[in-house]
Amino acid sequence: MYTVFRSAIAGRKRQMTDSEIRSANSTHMVKSPERRDLFAGALAFMILHSLRVKPMHGYALIKQIKLVSDDQLQVEEGSLYPALQRMLREGSLESNEGISAKGRPTWIYRLTKAGIKHLETEMSSYEKMFIGITRVLAVAKA
């Protein structure tokens, strides 16, 4: 399983001691061999692609990514919401107040025209990257 999460160390203003780093790693960042971080930009790419299908609130995005990936991808809320806020500031997304399936007030996110353009650019870039990775792996198998 690949997990997208925000580093426990990120954003610290002072330098951490070695013991603080070990403690942070042991409580927040240690993963089993089946759990790995995704490459940079993967979360934004998945958000953009998921919202291209239909507008959703944050928790629905988490469930959608997990469902579509057949439980291979798990997005942590601590990673998703900062990414959504960044994408709102960049103009890739817009949000409107809405109601969740459970009747609770929530923010519904949708792609903007700039977001669609960004997604198309990223899609082309990722397709090229995956072609390259596939070629490298093919040689490694030979």
Protein backbone atom coordinates (compact mmCIF):
# COMPACT_ATOMS: atom_id res chain seq x y z
CA MET A 1 0.00 0.00 0.00
CA TYR A 2 1.23 3.47 -0.82
CA THR A 3 0.40 6.15 1.72
CA VAL A 4 0.40 9.86 1.12
CA PHE A 5 1.04 11.75 4.32
CA ARG A 6 2.61 14.95 5.56
CA SER A 7 5.97 14.51 7.20
CA ALA A 8 5.97 14.96 10.97
CA ILE A 9 9.19 16.91 10.55
CA ALA A 10 8.02 19.31 7.83
CA GLY A 11 7.52 22.91 8.76
CA ARG A 12 9.70 22.92 11.89
CA LYS A 13 11.40 26.29 12.40
CA ARG A 14 14.23 25.09 14.61
CA GLN A 15 16.64 22.30 13.89
CA MET A 16 15.64 19.02 15.50
CA THR A 17 18.01 16.96 17.60
CA ASP A 18 18.87 13.42 16.53
CA SER A 19 16.67 12.01 19.30
CA GLU A 20 13.72 14.17 18.17
CA ILE A 21 14.16 12.94 14.60
CA ARG A 22 14.30 9.29 15.75
CA SER A 23 11.20 9.85 17.89
CA ALA A 24 9.28 11.50 15.03
CA ASN A 25 10.30 8.71 12.69
CA SER A 26 9.30 6.00 15.11
CA THR A 27 5.88 7.45 15.87
CA HIS A 28 4.81 8.99 12.57
CA MET A 29 6.89 7.87 9.66
CA VAL A 30 7.83 4.21 10.02
CA LYS A 31 6.05 2.13 7.44
CA SER A 32 5.85 -1.56 6.76
CA PRO A 33 7.53 -2.70 3.53
CA GLU A 34 4.08 -2.66 1.89
CA ARG A 35 3.56 1.04 2.73
CA ARG A 36 5.50 3.57 0.68
CA ASP A 37 5.34 7.26 -0.07
CA LEU A 38 4.32 8.30 -3.56
CA PHE A 39 6.47 10.41 -5.86
CA ALA A 40 6.25 14.19 -5.68
CA GLY A 41 3.15 15.57 -7.35
CA ALA A 42 1.25 12.28 -7.25
CA LEU A 43 -1.33 13.53 -4.77
CA ALA A 44 -2.11 16.68 -6.75
CA PHE A 45 -2.33 14.60 -9.93
CA MET A 46 -4.80 12.16 -8.32
CA ILE A 47 -6.87 15.02 -6.89
CA LEU A 48 -7.08 16.77 -10.25
CA HIS A 49 -7.94 13.56 -12.08
CA SER A 50 -10.58 12.51 -9.53
CA LEU A 51 -12.22 15.93 -9.61
CA ARG A 52 -12.29 15.83 -13.40
CA VAL A 53 -14.68 12.90 -13.07
CA LYS A 54 -16.95 14.76 -10.63
CA PRO A 55 -16.81 17.46 -7.93
CA MET A 56 -16.33 16.03 -4.41
CA HIS A 57 -15.66 16.98 -0.83
CA GLY A 58 -12.36 16.03 0.78
CA TYR A 59 -13.40 12.83 2.51
CA ALA A 60 -15.10 11.62 -0.68
CA LEU A 61 -11.78 12.20 -2.50
CA ILE A 62 -9.98 10.02 0.05
CA LYS A 63 -12.56 7.24 -0.36
CA GLN A 64 -12.57 7.58 -4.18
CA ILE A 65 -8.79 7.26 -4.50
CA LYS A 66 -8.75 4.26 -2.15
CA LEU A 67 -11.65 2.59 -4.00
CA VAL A 68 -10.38 3.19 -7.53
CA SER A 69 -6.88 2.01 -6.56
CA ASP A 70 -8.34 -1.21 -5.13
CA ASP A 71 -7.07 -0.21 -1.67
CA GLN A 72 -3.51 0.23 -2.96
CA LEU A 73 -3.46 3.98 -2.25
CA GLN A 74 -4.36 5.58 1.04
CA VAL A 75 -4.42 9.37 1.31
CA GLU A 76 -4.14 10.77 4.83
CA GLU A 77 -6.30 13.78 5.73
CA GLY A 78 -3.18 15.59 6.95
CA SER A 79 -1.87 15.47 3.39
CA LEU A 80 -5.09 15.97 1.46
CA TYR A 81 -6.41 19.17 3.00
CA PRO A 82 -3.16 21.16 2.76
CA ALA A 83 -2.88 20.02 -0.88
CA LEU A 84 -6.46 21.15 -1.55
CA GLN A 85 -5.74 24.55 0.03
CA ARG A 86 -2.59 24.96 -2.06
CA MET A 87 -4.48 24.04 -5.23
CA LEU A 88 -7.23 26.55 -4.35
CA ARG A 89 -4.61 29.29 -3.95
CA GLU A 90 -3.00 28.31 -7.27
CA GLY A 91 -6.36 28.53 -9.03
CA SER A 92 -6.54 24.86 -10.09
CA LEU A 93 -9.61 24.29 -7.91
CA GLU A 94 -12.58 26.19 -6.67
CA SER A 95 -14.84 25.28 -3.78
CA ASN A 96 -18.43 25.88 -2.83
CA GLU A 97 -20.36 25.09 0.30
CA GLY A 98 -22.33 21.89 0.03
CA ILE A 99 -23.83 19.06 2.00
CA SER A 100 -22.16 15.66 2.43
CA ALA A 101 -24.00 12.37 1.93
CA LYS A 102 -24.52 12.33 5.71
CA GLY A 103 -26.17 15.75 5.62
CA ARG A 104 -23.22 17.66 7.07
CA PRO A 105 -22.01 21.01 5.73
CA THR A 106 -18.81 20.63 3.73
CA TRP A 107 -16.77 22.18 0.93
CA ILE A 108 -17.23 20.70 -2.52
CA TYR A 109 -14.13 21.00 -4.72
CA ARG A 110 -14.18 21.22 -8.51
CA LEU A 111 -11.65 21.80 -11.24
CA THR A 112 -11.28 25.20 -12.84
CA LYS A 113 -10.26 25.70 -16.47
CA ALA A 114 -6.71 26.30 -15.20
CA GLY A 115 -6.93 23.03 -13.26
CA ILE A 116 -7.97 21.12 -16.38
CA LYS A 117 -5.07 22.62 -18.30
CA HIS A 118 -2.67 21.76 -15.46
CA LEU A 119 -4.00 18.19 -15.36
CA GLU A 120 -3.50 17.75 -19.10
CA THR A 121 0.08 19.00 -18.84
CA GLU A 122 0.79 16.74 -15.86
CA MET A 123 -0.82 13.76 -17.58
CA SER A 124 1.50 14.10 -20.55
CA SER A 125 4.49 14.44 -18.25
CA TYR A 126 3.54 11.39 -16.15
CA GLU A 127 2.87 9.27 -19.24
CA LYS A 128 6.41 10.02 -20.46
CA MET A 129 7.83 9.26 -17.02
CA PHE A 130 5.98 5.94 -16.79
CA ILE A 131 7.16 4.96 -20.27
CA GLY A 132 10.72 5.59 -19.14
CA ILE A 133 10.26 3.62 -15.91
CA THR A 134 8.67 0.74 -17.82
CA ARG A 135 11.65 0.65 -20.19
CA VAL A 136 14.11 0.59 -17.31
CA LEU A 137 12.19 -2.22 -15.61
CA ALA A 138 11.99 -4.20 -18.87
CA VAL A 139 15.79 -4.10 -19.20
CA ALA A 140 16.20 -5.12 -15.56
CA LYS A 141 14.07 -8.24 -16.22
CA ALA A 142 16.05 -9.29 -19.26
